[in-house]
Amino acid sequence: MPFTKNIAFTRLIKINGRLREFNFRKRGEIFYDLDTNDERGNRLFFKMEKQESNWKASGTELPVWLSDNEALISDAIVKEEQG
């Protein structure tokens, strides 16, 4: 039986002057499940998918503040994977 390493981490990312906590969980080689809170405290769930050398948000429609800062979230994944 092959061993699959579970990768999960949390990062604080400053978006629009506010620190937001993002929880990451790796699913396979090209997907991460993420969750964070919006301004009202509602939990937002979405996926990041590796496309060529970049990580892109996929799945449900994201709020503008989240989609506009996709690069910051992608950077957090890249930094984690580089060690």
N, C-alpha and C. Protein backbone atom coordinates (compact mmCIF):
# COMPACT_ATOMS: atom_id res chain seq x y z
N MET A 1 0.84 -1.18 0.00
CA MET A 1 0.00 0.00 0.00
C MET A 1 0.89 1.24 0.00
N PRO A 2 0.71 2.14 -0.98
CA PRO A 2 1.55 3.34 -1.04
C PRO A 2 1.21 4.32 0.09
N PHE A 3 2.23 5.03 0.54
CA PHE A 3 2.07 6.02 1.60
C PHE A 3 1.81 7.38 0.97
N THR A 4 0.75 8.05 1.40
CA THR A 4 0.45 9.40 0.93
C THR A 4 0.59 10.36 2.09
N LYS A 5 1.47 11.33 1.94
CA LYS A 5 1.72 12.31 2.99
C LYS A 5 0.59 13.33 3.02
N ASN A 6 0.02 13.56 4.20
CA ASN A 6 -1.02 14.56 4.38
C ASN A 6 -0.37 15.91 4.63
N ILE A 7 -0.66 16.87 3.76
CA ILE A 7 -0.08 18.20 3.90
C ILE A 7 -1.21 19.18 4.19
N ALA A 8 -1.12 19.82 5.35
CA ALA A 8 -2.10 20.83 5.75
C ALA A 8 -1.34 21.92 6.50
N PHE A 9 -1.68 23.18 6.22
CA PHE A 9 -1.03 24.29 6.91
C PHE A 9 -1.96 25.50 6.92
N THR A 10 -1.64 26.44 7.77
CA THR A 10 -2.41 27.68 7.92
C THR A 10 -1.48 28.86 7.71
N ARG A 11 -1.96 29.87 7.01
CA ARG A 11 -1.18 31.08 6.78
C ARG A 11 -2.07 32.31 7.01
N LEU A 12 -1.47 33.35 7.57
CA LEU A 12 -2.12 34.65 7.66
C LEU A 12 -1.68 35.46 6.46
N ILE A 13 -2.66 35.96 5.71
CA ILE A 13 -2.38 36.75 4.50
C ILE A 13 -3.12 38.07 4.64
N LYS A 14 -2.39 39.17 4.43
CA LYS A 14 -2.99 40.50 4.54
C LYS A 14 -3.64 40.88 3.22
N ILE A 15 -4.96 41.05 3.25
CA ILE A 15 -5.73 41.42 2.07
C ILE A 15 -6.58 42.63 2.42
N ASN A 16 -6.45 43.68 1.63
CA ASN A 16 -7.20 44.93 1.84
C ASN A 16 -7.02 45.46 3.26
N GLY A 17 -5.78 45.40 3.76
CA GLY A 17 -5.47 45.95 5.07
C GLY A 17 -5.91 45.10 6.25
N ARG A 18 -6.37 43.88 5.99
CA ARG A 18 -6.87 43.02 7.06
C ARG A 18 -6.18 41.65 6.98
N LEU A 19 -5.68 41.17 8.13
CA LEU A 19 -5.09 39.83 8.16
C LEU A 19 -6.19 38.79 8.14
N ARG A 20 -6.07 37.86 7.23
CA ARG A 20 -7.06 36.77 7.12
C ARG A 20 -6.33 35.44 7.25
N GLU A 21 -6.98 34.53 7.96
CA GLU A 21 -6.42 33.20 8.15
C GLU A 21 -6.92 32.28 7.04
N PHE A 22 -5.99 31.65 6.34
CA PHE A 22 -6.30 30.69 5.29
C PHE A 22 -5.81 29.32 5.72
N ASN A 23 -6.68 28.33 5.61
CA ASN A 23 -6.32 26.95 5.89
C ASN A 23 -6.18 26.21 4.57
N PHE A 24 -5.06 25.53 4.39
CA PHE A 24 -4.74 24.82 3.16
C PHE A 24 -4.68 23.33 3.44
N ARG A 25 -5.19 22.53 2.51
CA ARG A 25 -5.04 21.07 2.59
C ARG A 25 -4.80 20.55 1.19
N LYS A 26 -3.68 19.86 1.02
CA LYS A 26 -3.30 19.37 -0.31
C LYS A 26 -4.11 18.13 -0.65
N ARG A 27 -4.62 18.10 -1.89
CA ARG A 27 -5.37 16.97 -2.44
C ARG A 27 -4.70 16.55 -3.74
N GLY A 28 -3.91 15.51 -3.69
CA GLY A 28 -3.21 15.06 -4.89
C GLY A 28 -2.06 16.00 -5.23
N GLU A 29 -1.66 15.97 -6.47
CA GLU A 29 -0.51 16.77 -6.90
C GLU A 29 -0.89 18.17 -7.39
N ILE A 30 -2.13 18.35 -7.81
CA ILE A 30 -2.47 19.63 -8.43
C ILE A 30 -3.63 20.38 -7.77
N PHE A 31 -4.07 19.95 -6.60
CA PHE A 31 -5.19 20.63 -5.94
C PHE A 31 -4.91 20.92 -4.48
N TYR A 32 -5.40 22.06 -4.01
CA TYR A 32 -5.47 22.39 -2.59
C TYR A 32 -6.90 22.81 -2.28
N ASP A 33 -7.43 22.34 -1.16
CA ASP A 33 -8.70 22.84 -0.63
C ASP A 33 -8.34 23.95 0.34
N LEU A 34 -9.06 25.07 0.26
CA LEU A 34 -8.81 26.20 1.14
C LEU A 34 -10.10 26.65 1.79
N ASP A 35 -9.94 27.28 2.95
CA ASP A 35 -11.08 27.95 3.57
C ASP A 35 -10.59 29.17 4.33
N THR A 36 -11.47 30.16 4.41
CA THR A 36 -11.20 31.41 5.12
C THR A 36 -12.54 32.04 5.50
N ASN A 37 -12.51 33.15 6.23
CA ASN A 37 -13.74 33.85 6.61
C ASN A 37 -13.92 35.10 5.78
N ASP A 38 -15.19 35.46 5.53
CA ASP A 38 -15.47 36.75 4.92
C ASP A 38 -15.64 37.80 6.02
N GLU A 39 -16.06 39.01 5.66
CA GLU A 39 -16.20 40.10 6.63
C GLU A 39 -17.25 39.81 7.70
N ARG A 40 -18.22 39.00 7.40
CA ARG A 40 -19.30 38.68 8.34
C ARG A 40 -19.02 37.43 9.16
N GLY A 41 -17.88 36.81 8.93
CA GLY A 41 -17.52 35.60 9.66
C GLY A 41 -18.00 34.32 9.01
N ASN A 42 -18.62 34.42 7.83
CA ASN A 42 -19.06 33.23 7.10
C ASN A 42 -17.84 32.53 6.50
N ARG A 43 -17.84 31.23 6.55
CA ARG A 43 -16.72 30.45 6.03
C ARG A 43 -16.83 30.33 4.52
N LEU A 44 -15.75 30.61 3.83
CA LEU A 44 -15.67 30.45 2.37
C LEU A 44 -14.77 29.27 2.06
N PHE A 45 -15.25 28.38 1.21
CA PHE A 45 -14.48 27.20 0.80
C PHE A 45 -14.24 27.28 -0.70
N PHE A 46 -13.00 27.01 -1.12
CA PHE A 46 -12.68 27.01 -2.55
C PHE A 46 -11.45 26.15 -2.78
N LYS A 47 -11.11 25.96 -4.03
CA LYS A 47 -9.96 25.14 -4.42
C LYS A 47 -8.97 25.98 -5.20
N MET A 48 -7.71 25.58 -5.09
CA MET A 48 -6.66 26.13 -5.94
C MET A 48 -6.15 24.97 -6.77
N GLU A 49 -6.00 25.23 -8.06
CA GLU A 49 -5.56 24.19 -9.00
C GLU A 49 -4.28 24.66 -9.69
N LYS A 50 -3.33 23.74 -9.80
CA LYS A 50 -2.07 24.08 -10.48
C LYS A 50 -2.29 24.03 -11.97
N GLN A 51 -2.05 25.16 -12.62
CA GLN A 51 -2.15 25.27 -14.07
C GLN A 51 -0.82 25.79 -14.59
N GLU A 52 -0.11 24.91 -15.29
CA GLU A 52 1.26 25.17 -15.73
C GLU A 52 2.12 25.42 -14.50
N SER A 53 2.64 26.62 -14.30
CA SER A 53 3.49 26.88 -13.14
C SER A 53 2.80 27.75 -12.09
N ASN A 54 1.52 28.08 -12.30
CA ASN A 54 0.78 28.95 -11.39
C ASN A 54 -0.36 28.21 -10.71
N TRP A 55 -0.78 28.72 -9.55
CA TRP A 55 -1.94 28.20 -8.84
C TRP A 55 -3.11 29.14 -9.09
N LYS A 56 -4.23 28.60 -9.54
CA LYS A 56 -5.42 29.39 -9.87
C LYS A 56 -6.61 28.89 -9.05
N ALA A 57 -7.45 29.83 -8.64
CA ALA A 57 -8.68 29.47 -7.92
C ALA A 57 -9.64 28.81 -8.90
N SER A 58 -10.32 27.76 -8.44
CA SER A 58 -11.29 27.08 -9.29
C SER A 58 -12.50 26.73 -8.45
N GLY A 59 -13.56 26.40 -9.13
CA GLY A 59 -14.78 26.00 -8.41
C GLY A 59 -15.80 27.10 -8.38
N THR A 60 -16.34 27.35 -7.21
CA THR A 60 -17.44 28.30 -7.06
C THR A 60 -16.97 29.73 -7.31
N GLU A 61 -17.93 30.62 -7.50
CA GLU A 61 -17.61 32.03 -7.69
C GLU A 61 -17.07 32.60 -6.39
N LEU A 62 -15.96 33.31 -6.51
CA LEU A 62 -15.31 33.89 -5.35
C LEU A 62 -15.64 35.36 -5.22
N PRO A 63 -15.64 35.88 -4.00
CA PRO A 63 -15.81 37.33 -3.84
C PRO A 63 -14.66 38.06 -4.53
N VAL A 64 -14.90 39.30 -4.91
CA VAL A 64 -13.91 40.08 -5.65
C VAL A 64 -12.62 40.22 -4.85
N TRP A 65 -12.72 40.49 -3.55
CA TRP A 65 -11.52 40.69 -2.74
C TRP A 65 -10.63 39.45 -2.74
N LEU A 66 -11.25 38.29 -2.91
CA LEU A 66 -10.49 37.04 -2.92
C LEU A 66 -9.88 36.78 -4.29
N SER A 67 -10.66 36.93 -5.33
CA SER A 67 -10.13 36.68 -6.68
C SER A 67 -9.08 37.71 -7.08
N ASP A 68 -9.21 38.95 -6.59
CA ASP A 68 -8.22 39.98 -6.90
C ASP A 68 -6.87 39.71 -6.24
N ASN A 69 -6.86 38.89 -5.20
CA ASN A 69 -5.63 38.59 -4.46
C ASN A 69 -5.20 37.14 -4.60
N GLU A 70 -5.59 36.54 -5.70
CA GLU A 70 -5.24 35.15 -5.99
C GLU A 70 -3.72 34.94 -5.98
N ALA A 71 -2.96 35.91 -6.43
CA ALA A 71 -1.50 35.79 -6.49
C ALA A 71 -0.90 35.66 -5.09
N LEU A 72 -1.45 36.35 -4.10
CA LEU A 72 -0.94 36.25 -2.73
C LEU A 72 -1.16 34.84 -2.18
N ILE A 73 -2.31 34.26 -2.49
CA ILE A 73 -2.62 32.90 -2.04
C ILE A 73 -1.72 31.90 -2.74
N SER A 74 -1.52 32.11 -4.02
CA SER A 74 -0.63 31.24 -4.80
C SER A 74 0.79 31.30 -4.24
N ASP A 75 1.25 32.49 -3.88
CA ASP A 75 2.59 32.64 -3.30
C ASP A 75 2.74 31.85 -2.01
N ALA A 76 1.69 31.81 -1.19
CA ALA A 76 1.73 31.05 0.07
C ALA A 76 1.93 29.56 -0.21
N ILE A 77 1.27 29.05 -1.25
CA ILE A 77 1.43 27.64 -1.62
C ILE A 77 2.84 27.37 -2.11
N VAL A 78 3.34 28.23 -2.97
CA VAL A 78 4.70 28.06 -3.52
C VAL A 78 5.73 28.08 -2.41
N LYS A 79 5.62 29.02 -1.49
CA LYS A 79 6.58 29.11 -0.37
C LYS A 79 6.54 27.86 0.51
N GLU A 80 5.34 27.34 0.76
CA GLU A 80 5.21 26.13 1.57
C GLU A 80 5.86 24.93 0.88
N GLU A 81 5.64 24.82 -0.42
CA GLU A 81 6.18 23.67 -1.15
C GLU A 81 7.70 23.75 -1.32
N GLN A 82 8.25 24.96 -1.31
CA GLN A 82 9.69 25.12 -1.44
C GLN A 82 10.40 24.88 -0.11
N GLY A 83 9.64 24.89 0.96
CA GLY A 83 10.21 24.57 2.26
C GLY A 83 10.60 25.77 2.98
